[in-house]
Every structure is written in structure tokens, then in C-alpha cells.
Full PDB file with SEQRES, HELIX, SHEET, SSBOND, CRYST1, ORIGX, SCALE, CONECT and MASTER records, all heavy atoms in Angstrom:
SEQRES   1 A   34  VAL VAL GLY MET LEU ALA GLY ALA MET ALA GLU LEU LYS          
SEQRES   2 A   34  VAL GLY ASP PRO GLY GLN LEU SER THR ASP VAL GLY PRO          
SEQRES   3 A   34  VAL ILE ASP ASP ASP ALA LEU LYS                              
HELIX    1 AA1 VAL A    2  ALA A   10  1                                   9    
HELIX    2 AA2 ASP A   30  LEU A   33  1                                   4    
CRYST1    1.000    1.000    1.000  90.00  90.00  90.00 P 1           1          
ORIGX1      1.000000  0.000000  0.000000        0.00000                         
ORIGX2      0.000000  1.000000  0.000000        0.00000                         
ORIGX3      0.000000  0.000000  1.000000        0.00000                         
SCALE1      1.000000  0.000000  0.000000        0.00000                         
SCALE2      0.000000  1.000000  0.000000        0.00000                         
SCALE3      0.000000  0.000000  1.000000        0.00000                         
ATOM      1  N   VAL A   1      17.368  -4.947  -9.431  1.00  0.00           N  
ATOM      2  CA  VAL A   1      15.912  -5.032  -9.322  1.00  0.00           C  
ATOM      3  C   VAL A   1      15.471  -4.879  -7.875  1.00  0.00           C  
ATOM      4  O   VAL A   1      14.503  -4.160  -7.575  1.00  0.00           O  
ATOM      5  CB  VAL A   1      15.398  -6.365  -9.913  1.00  0.00           C  
ATOM      6  CG1 VAL A   1      13.929  -6.587  -9.564  1.00  0.00           C  
ATOM      7  CG2 VAL A   1      15.593  -6.394 -11.429  1.00  0.00           C  
ATOM      8  N   VAL A   2      16.162  -5.532  -6.964  1.00  0.00           N  
ATOM      9  CA  VAL A   2      15.805  -5.443  -5.543  1.00  0.00           C  
ATOM     10  C   VAL A   2      15.953  -4.011  -5.045  1.00  0.00           C  
ATOM     11  O   VAL A   2      15.097  -3.500  -4.295  1.00  0.00           O  
ATOM     12  CB  VAL A   2      16.663  -6.420  -4.713  1.00  0.00           C  
ATOM     13  CG1 VAL A   2      16.572  -6.098  -3.220  1.00  0.00           C  
ATOM     14  CG2 VAL A   2      16.229  -7.860  -4.967  1.00  0.00           C  
ATOM     15  N   GLY A   3      17.016  -3.341  -5.451  1.00  0.00           N  
ATOM     16  CA  GLY A   3      17.192  -1.944  -5.046  1.00  0.00           C  
ATOM     17  C   GLY A   3      16.104  -1.043  -5.583  1.00  0.00           C  
ATOM     18  O   GLY A   3      15.581  -0.173  -4.861  1.00  0.00           O  
ATOM     19  N   MET A   4      15.746  -1.237  -6.844  1.00  0.00           N  
ATOM     20  CA  MET A   4      14.672  -0.433  -7.437  1.00  0.00           C  
ATOM     21  C   MET A   4      13.332  -0.754  -6.798  1.00  0.00           C  
ATOM     22  O   MET A   4      12.490   0.129  -6.608  1.00  0.00           O  
ATOM     23  CB  MET A   4      14.609  -0.685  -8.946  1.00  0.00           C  
ATOM     24  CG  MET A   4      15.807  -0.144  -9.711  1.00  0.00           C  
ATOM     25  SD  MET A   4      15.709  -0.521 -11.478  1.00  0.00           S  
ATOM     26  CE  MET A   4      14.286   0.456 -11.939  1.00  0.00           C  
ATOM     27  N   LEU A   5      13.108  -2.038  -6.450  1.00  0.00           N  
ATOM     28  CA  LEU A   5      11.864  -2.443  -5.798  1.00  0.00           C  
ATOM     29  C   LEU A   5      11.711  -1.744  -4.450  1.00  0.00           C  
ATOM     30  O   LEU A   5      10.638  -1.218  -4.118  1.00  0.00           O  
ATOM     31  CB  LEU A   5      11.857  -3.958  -5.620  1.00  0.00           C  
ATOM     32  CG  LEU A   5      10.679  -4.562  -4.850  1.00  0.00           C  
ATOM     33  CD1 LEU A   5       9.371  -4.318  -5.583  1.00  0.00           C  
ATOM     34  CD2 LEU A   5      10.896  -6.064  -4.638  1.00  0.00           C  
ATOM     35  N   ALA A   6      12.794  -1.703  -3.674  1.00  0.00           N  
ATOM     36  CA  ALA A   6      12.752  -1.022  -2.374  1.00  0.00           C  
ATOM     37  C   ALA A   6      12.454   0.463  -2.546  1.00  0.00           C  
ATOM     38  O   ALA A   6      11.657   1.055  -1.790  1.00  0.00           O  
ATOM     39  CB  ALA A   6      14.072  -1.219  -1.636  1.00  0.00           C  
ATOM     40  N   GLY A   7      13.058   1.067  -3.566  1.00  0.00           N  
ATOM     41  CA  GLY A   7      12.803   2.482  -3.816  1.00  0.00           C  
ATOM     42  C   GLY A   7      11.364   2.742  -4.236  1.00  0.00           C  
ATOM     43  O   GLY A   7      10.739   3.720  -3.791  1.00  0.00           O  
ATOM     44  N   ALA A   8      10.817   1.872  -5.080  1.00  0.00           N  
ATOM     45  CA  ALA A   8       9.427   2.040  -5.522  1.00  0.00           C  
ATOM     46  C   ALA A   8       8.451   1.841  -4.369  1.00  0.00           C  
ATOM     47  O   ALA A   8       7.446   2.556  -4.261  1.00  0.00           O  
ATOM     48  CB  ALA A   8       9.124   1.047  -6.647  1.00  0.00           C  
ATOM     49  N   MET A   9       8.739   0.887  -3.486  1.00  0.00           N  
ATOM     50  CA  MET A   9       7.852   0.646  -2.348  1.00  0.00           C  
ATOM     51  C   MET A   9       7.856   1.811  -1.373  1.00  0.00           C  
ATOM     52  O   MET A   9       6.847   2.080  -0.697  1.00  0.00           O  
ATOM     53  CB  MET A   9       8.242  -0.652  -1.645  1.00  0.00           C  
ATOM     54  CG  MET A   9       7.949  -1.907  -2.458  1.00  0.00           C  
ATOM     55  SD  MET A   9       8.391  -3.433  -1.597  1.00  0.00           S  
ATOM     56  CE  MET A   9       7.249  -3.376  -0.210  1.00  0.00           C  
ATOM     57  N   ALA A  10       8.981   2.513  -1.294  1.00  0.00           N  
ATOM     58  CA  ALA A  10       9.051   3.678  -0.411  1.00  0.00           C  
ATOM     59  C   ALA A  10       8.114   4.794  -0.867  1.00  0.00           C  
ATOM     60  O   ALA A  10       7.745   5.673  -0.069  1.00  0.00           O  
ATOM     61  CB  ALA A  10      10.491   4.186  -0.340  1.00  0.00           C  
ATOM     62  N   GLU A  11       7.718   4.752  -2.141  1.00  0.00           N  
ATOM     63  CA  GLU A  11       6.829   5.782  -2.679  1.00  0.00           C  
ATOM     64  C   GLU A  11       5.347   5.402  -2.578  1.00  0.00           C  
ATOM     65  O   GLU A  11       4.480   6.208  -2.907  1.00  0.00           O  
ATOM     66  CB  GLU A  11       7.175   6.039  -4.154  1.00  0.00           C  
ATOM     67  CG  GLU A  11       8.597   6.553  -4.385  1.00  0.00           C  
ATOM     68  CD  GLU A  11       8.829   7.881  -3.676  1.00  0.00           C  
ATOM     69  OE1 GLU A  11       7.936   8.764  -3.746  1.00  0.00           O  
ATOM     70  OE2 GLU A  11       9.888   8.025  -3.041  1.00  0.00           O  
ATOM     71  N   LEU A  12       5.050   4.172  -2.168  1.00  0.00           N  
ATOM     72  CA  LEU A  12       3.652   3.746  -2.072  1.00  0.00           C  
ATOM     73  C   LEU A  12       2.931   4.508  -0.961  1.00  0.00           C  
ATOM     74  O   LEU A  12       3.440   4.634   0.161  1.00  0.00           O  
ATOM     75  CB  LEU A  12       3.569   2.248  -1.779  1.00  0.00           C  
ATOM     76  CG  LEU A  12       3.976   1.295  -2.916  1.00  0.00           C  
ATOM     77  CD1 LEU A  12       3.964  -0.145  -2.405  1.00  0.00           C  
ATOM     78  CD2 LEU A  12       3.054   1.451  -4.117  1.00  0.00           C  
ATOM     79  N   LYS A  13       1.746   4.982  -1.267  1.00  0.00           N  
ATOM     80  CA  LYS A  13       0.933   5.667  -0.258  1.00  0.00           C  
ATOM     81  C   LYS A  13      -0.203   4.746   0.151  1.00  0.00           C  
ATOM     82  O   LYS A  13      -1.025   4.335  -0.680  1.00  0.00           O  
ATOM     83  CB  LYS A  13       0.384   6.980  -0.798  1.00  0.00           C  
ATOM     84  CG  LYS A  13      -0.427   7.751   0.245  1.00  0.00           C  
ATOM     85  CD  LYS A  13      -0.845   9.125  -0.237  1.00  0.00           C  
ATOM     86  CE  LYS A  13      -1.632   9.845   0.858  1.00  0.00           C  
ATOM     87  NZ  LYS A  13      -2.080  11.193   0.420  1.00  0.00           N  
ATOM     88  N   VAL A  14      -0.249   4.409   1.421  1.00  0.00           N  
ATOM     89  CA  VAL A  14      -1.280   3.535   1.972  1.00  0.00           C  
ATOM     90  C   VAL A  14      -2.316   4.388   2.676  1.00  0.00           C  
ATOM     91  O   VAL A  14      -1.969   5.260   3.482  1.00  0.00           O  
ATOM     92  CB  VAL A  14      -0.663   2.518   2.963  1.00  0.00           C  
ATOM     93  CG1 VAL A  14      -1.731   1.558   3.478  1.00  0.00           C  
ATOM     94  CG2 VAL A  14       0.483   1.752   2.307  1.00  0.00           C  
ATOM     95  N   GLY A  15      -3.592   4.167   2.368  1.00  0.00           N  
ATOM     96  CA  GLY A  15      -4.623   4.971   3.004  1.00  0.00           C  
ATOM     97  C   GLY A  15      -6.001   4.728   2.430  1.00  0.00           C  
ATOM     98  O   GLY A  15      -6.301   3.633   1.924  1.00  0.00           O  
ATOM     99  N   ASP A  16      -6.823   5.748   2.493  1.00  0.00           N  
ATOM    100  CA  ASP A  16      -8.214   5.686   2.057  1.00  0.00           C  
ATOM    101  C   ASP A  16      -8.282   5.426   0.550  1.00  0.00           C  
ATOM    102  O   ASP A  16      -7.809   6.247  -0.240  1.00  0.00           O  
ATOM    103  CB  ASP A  16      -8.900   7.012   2.398  1.00  0.00           C  
ATOM    104  CG  ASP A  16     -10.374   7.041   2.009  1.00  0.00           C  
ATOM    105  OD1 ASP A  16     -10.865   6.061   1.407  1.00  0.00           O  
ATOM    106  OD2 ASP A  16     -11.039   8.056   2.301  1.00  0.00           O  
ATOM    107  N   PRO A  17      -8.872   4.298   0.123  1.00  0.00           N  
ATOM    108  CA  PRO A  17      -8.940   4.020  -1.319  1.00  0.00           C  
ATOM    109  C   PRO A  17      -9.838   4.979  -2.084  1.00  0.00           C  
ATOM    110  O   PRO A  17      -9.811   5.011  -3.317  1.00  0.00           O  
ATOM    111  CB  PRO A  17      -9.481   2.584  -1.381  1.00  0.00           C  
ATOM    112  CG  PRO A  17     -10.197   2.399  -0.087  1.00  0.00           C  
ATOM    113  CD  PRO A  17      -9.456   3.220   0.924  1.00  0.00           C  
ATOM    114  N   GLY A  18     -10.615   5.774  -1.368  1.00  0.00           N  
ATOM    115  CA  GLY A  18     -11.446   6.780  -2.024  1.00  0.00           C  
ATOM    116  C   GLY A  18     -10.659   7.990  -2.489  1.00  0.00           C  
ATOM    117  O   GLY A  18     -11.168   8.808  -3.265  1.00  0.00           O  
ATOM    118  N   GLN A  19      -9.413   8.098  -2.058  1.00  0.00           N  
ATOM    119  CA  GLN A  19      -8.556   9.206  -2.455  1.00  0.00           C  
ATOM    120  C   GLN A  19      -7.722   8.809  -3.676  1.00  0.00           C  
ATOM    121  O   GLN A  19      -7.109   7.740  -3.690  1.00  0.00           O  
ATOM    122  CB  GLN A  19      -7.624   9.604  -1.313  1.00  0.00           C  
ATOM    123  CG  GLN A  19      -8.343  10.043  -0.046  1.00  0.00           C  
ATOM    124  CD  GLN A  19      -9.114  11.330  -0.255  1.00  0.00           C  
ATOM    125  OE1 GLN A  19      -8.666  12.244  -0.953  1.00  0.00           O  
ATOM    126  NE2 GLN A  19     -10.288  11.411   0.362  1.00  0.00           N  
ATOM    127  N   LEU A  20      -7.685   9.656  -4.689  1.00  0.00           N  
ATOM    128  CA  LEU A  20      -6.924   9.346  -5.904  1.00  0.00           C  
ATOM    129  C   LEU A  20      -5.433   9.188  -5.631  1.00  0.00           C  
ATOM    130  O   LEU A  20      -4.729   8.509  -6.376  1.00  0.00           O  
ATOM    131  CB  LEU A  20      -7.157  10.432  -6.955  1.00  0.00           C  
ATOM    132  CG  LEU A  20      -8.547  10.478  -7.601  1.00  0.00           C  
ATOM    133  CD1 LEU A  20      -8.659  11.677  -8.536  1.00  0.00           C  
ATOM    134  CD2 LEU A  20      -8.836   9.188  -8.351  1.00  0.00           C  
ATOM    135  N   SER A  21      -4.944   9.813  -4.591  1.00  0.00           N  
ATOM    136  CA  SER A  21      -3.514   9.744  -4.280  1.00  0.00           C  
ATOM    137  C   SER A  21      -3.114   8.427  -3.612  1.00  0.00           C  
ATOM    138  O   SER A  21      -1.928   8.131  -3.474  1.00  0.00           O  
ATOM    139  CB  SER A  21      -3.130  10.904  -3.364  1.00  0.00           C  
ATOM    140  OG  SER A  21      -3.896  10.861  -2.165  1.00  0.00           O  
ATOM    141  N   THR A  22      -4.087   7.629  -3.208  1.00  0.00           N  
ATOM    142  CA  THR A  22      -3.796   6.376  -2.507  1.00  0.00           C  
ATOM    143  C   THR A  22      -3.396   5.280  -3.487  1.00  0.00           C  
ATOM    144  O   THR A  22      -4.042   5.082  -4.512  1.00  0.00           O  
ATOM    145  CB  THR A  22      -5.028   5.916  -1.692  1.00  0.00           C  
ATOM    146  OG1 THR A  22      -5.297   6.886  -0.673  1.00  0.00           O  
ATOM    147  CG2 THR A  22      -4.782   4.568  -1.043  1.00  0.00           C  
ATOM    148  N   ASP A  23      -2.341   4.556  -3.155  1.00  0.00           N  
ATOM    149  CA  ASP A  23      -1.894   3.413  -3.955  1.00  0.00           C  
ATOM    150  C   ASP A  23      -2.413   2.091  -3.401  1.00  0.00           C  
ATOM    151  O   ASP A  23      -2.756   1.185  -4.159  1.00  0.00           O  
ATOM    152  CB  ASP A  23      -0.363   3.356  -3.995  1.00  0.00           C  
ATOM    153  CG  ASP A  23       0.252   4.585  -4.634  1.00  0.00           C  
ATOM    154  OD1 ASP A  23      -0.114   4.889  -5.782  1.00  0.00           O  
ATOM    155  OD2 ASP A  23       1.094   5.228  -3.982  1.00  0.00           O  
ATOM    156  N   VAL A  24      -2.459   1.968  -2.075  1.00  0.00           N  
ATOM    157  CA  VAL A  24      -2.838   0.713  -1.429  1.00  0.00           C  
ATOM    158  C   VAL A  24      -3.844   1.008  -0.323  1.00  0.00           C  
ATOM    159  O   VAL A  24      -3.581   1.834   0.553  1.00  0.00           O  
ATOM    160  CB  VAL A  24      -1.607  -0.011  -0.828  1.00  0.00           C  
ATOM    161  CG1 VAL A  24      -2.014  -1.327  -0.173  1.00  0.00           C  
ATOM    162  CG2 VAL A  24      -0.553  -0.258  -1.903  1.00  0.00           C  
ATOM    163  N   GLY A  25      -4.971   0.332  -0.369  1.00  0.00           N  
ATOM    164  CA  GLY A  25      -6.000   0.514   0.648  1.00  0.00           C  
ATOM    165  C   GLY A  25      -5.885  -0.520   1.753  1.00  0.00           C  
ATOM    166  O   GLY A  25      -4.874  -1.217   1.874  1.00  0.00           O  
ATOM    167  N   PRO A  26      -6.919  -0.669   2.560  1.00  0.00           N  
ATOM    168  CA  PRO A  26      -6.885  -1.624   3.668  1.00  0.00           C  
ATOM    169  C   PRO A  26      -7.123  -3.054   3.188  1.00  0.00           C  
ATOM    170  O   PRO A  26      -7.572  -3.276   2.061  1.00  0.00           O  
ATOM    171  CB  PRO A  26      -8.042  -1.165   4.561  1.00  0.00           C  
ATOM    172  CG  PRO A  26      -9.030  -0.571   3.589  1.00  0.00           C  
ATOM    173  CD  PRO A  26      -8.189   0.098   2.522  1.00  0.00           C  
ATOM    174  N   VAL A  27      -6.819  -4.018   4.044  1.00  0.00           N  
ATOM    175  CA  VAL A  27      -7.226  -5.398   3.787  1.00  0.00           C  
ATOM    176  C   VAL A  27      -8.653  -5.567   4.301  1.00  0.00           C  
ATOM    177  O   VAL A  27      -9.182  -4.705   5.001  1.00  0.00           O  
ATOM    178  CB  VAL A  27      -6.258  -6.413   4.420  1.00  0.00           C  
ATOM    179  CG1 VAL A  27      -4.890  -6.280   3.766  1.00  0.00           C  
ATOM    180  CG2 VAL A  27      -6.151  -6.241   5.931  1.00  0.00           C  
ATOM    181  N   ILE A  28      -9.298  -6.664   3.954  1.00  0.00           N  
ATOM    182  CA  ILE A  28     -10.742  -6.777   4.071  1.00  0.00           C  
ATOM    183  C   ILE A  28     -11.263  -6.724   5.505  1.00  0.00           C  
ATOM    184  O   ILE A  28     -12.275  -6.100   5.776  1.00  0.00           O  
ATOM    185  CB  ILE A  28     -11.251  -8.057   3.358  1.00  0.00           C  
ATOM    186  CG1 ILE A  28     -12.774  -8.139   3.384  1.00  0.00           C  
ATOM    187  CG2 ILE A  28     -10.612  -9.294   3.957  1.00  0.00           C  
ATOM    188  CD1 ILE A  28     -13.483  -7.061   2.628  1.00  0.00           C  
ATOM    189  N   ASP A  29     -10.579  -7.383   6.466  1.00  0.00           N  
ATOM    190  CA  ASP A  29     -11.117  -7.420   7.823  1.00  0.00           C  
ATOM    191  C   ASP A  29     -10.020  -7.790   8.822  1.00  0.00           C  
ATOM    192  O   ASP A  29      -8.855  -8.000   8.458  1.00  0.00           O  
ATOM    193  CB  ASP A  29     -12.310  -8.390   7.933  1.00  0.00           C  
ATOM    194  CG  ASP A  29     -11.989  -9.802   7.464  1.00  0.00           C  
ATOM    195  OD1 ASP A  29     -10.797 -10.180   7.466  1.00  0.00           O  
ATOM    196  OD2 ASP A  29     -12.925 -10.542   7.084  1.00  0.00           O  
ATOM    197  N   ASP A  30     -10.418  -7.893  10.083  1.00  0.00           N  
ATOM    198  CA  ASP A  30      -9.461  -8.182  11.155  1.00  0.00           C  
ATOM    199  C   ASP A  30      -8.835  -9.564  11.002  1.00  0.00           C  
ATOM    200  O   ASP A  30      -7.656  -9.761  11.339  1.00  0.00           O  
ATOM    201  CB  ASP A  30     -10.145  -8.066  12.521  1.00  0.00           C  
ATOM    202  CG  ASP A  30     -10.462  -6.627  12.890  1.00  0.00           C  
ATOM    203  OD1 ASP A  30      -9.695  -5.728  12.481  1.00  0.00           O  
ATOM    204  OD2 ASP A  30     -11.473  -6.397  13.573  1.00  0.00           O  
ATOM    205  N   ASP A  31      -9.614 -10.533  10.524  1.00  0.00           N  
ATOM    206  CA  ASP A  31      -9.068 -11.877  10.343  1.00  0.00           C  
ATOM    207  C   ASP A  31      -7.936 -11.870   9.315  1.00  0.00           C  
ATOM    208  O   ASP A  31      -6.896 -12.512   9.519  1.00  0.00           O  
ATOM    209  CB  ASP A  31     -10.173 -12.843   9.887  1.00  0.00           C  
ATOM    210  CG  ASP A  31     -11.175 -13.141  10.992  1.00  0.00           C  
ATOM    211  OD1 ASP A  31     -10.835 -12.924  12.167  1.00  0.00           O  
ATOM    212  OD2 ASP A  31     -12.296 -13.581  10.675  1.00  0.00           O  
ATOM    213  N   ALA A  32      -8.143 -11.165   8.205  1.00  0.00           N  
ATOM    214  CA  ALA A  32      -7.103 -11.071   7.180  1.00  0.00           C  
ATOM    215  C   ALA A  32      -5.875 -10.359   7.728  1.00  0.00           C  
ATOM    216  O   ALA A  32      -4.727 -10.770   7.468  1.00  0.00           O  
ATOM    217  CB  ALA A  32      -7.638 -10.334   5.951  1.00  0.00           C  
ATOM    218  N   LEU A  33      -6.080  -9.297   8.477  1.00  0.00           N  
ATOM    219  CA  LEU A  33      -4.963  -8.543   9.060  1.00  0.00           C  
ATOM    220  C   LEU A  33      -4.152  -9.422  10.012  1.00  0.00           C  
ATOM    221  O   LEU A  33      -2.915  -9.371  10.023  1.00  0.00           O  
ATOM    222  CB  LEU A  33      -5.502  -7.312   9.787  1.00  0.00           C  
ATOM    223  CG  LEU A  33      -4.464  -6.394  10.425  1.00  0.00           C  
ATOM    224  CD1 LEU A  33      -3.494  -5.850   9.380  1.00  0.00           C  
ATOM    225  CD2 LEU A  33      -5.160  -5.239  11.162  1.00  0.00           C  
ATOM    226  N   LYS A  34      -4.838 -10.250  10.774  1.00  0.00           N  
ATOM    227  CA  LYS A  34      -4.157 -11.136  11.731  1.00  0.00           C  
ATOM    228  C   LYS A  34      -3.266 -12.143  10.997  1.00  0.00           C  
ATOM    229  O   LYS A  34      -2.114 -12.376  11.380  1.00  0.00           O  
ATOM    230  CB  LYS A  34      -5.200 -11.866  12.580  1.00  0.00           C  
ATOM    231  CG  LYS A  34      -4.624 -12.816  13.626  1.00  0.00           C  
ATOM    232  CD  LYS A  34      -5.748 -13.386  14.492  1.00  0.00           C  
ATOM    233  CE  LYS A  34      -5.199 -14.311  15.592  1.00  0.00           C  
ATOM    234  NZ  LYS A  34      -4.648 -15.561  15.044  1.00  0.00           N  
TER     235      LYS A  34                                                      
MASTER        0    0    0    2    0    0    0    6  234    1    0    3          
END                                                                             
């Protein structure tokens, strides 16, 4: 499971949530990021 999880995470695309190809968008603000 851990090996498959690492492989699946390698395929995640982080970026603009307005794009259909994006899997993960930004967090809400600078405080959350910190």
C-alpha cells in the first residue's frame, strides 16, 4: 500500500484549480501555508 501510495502521489498535479487537469489546488492563505 505504501509503495502504491507513493506512486499515486507522484501523479498528482498541483496547480490552478480552474484547470480540469489539476488534482490539488492551493491552500487558503499565507497563515495556512505557514
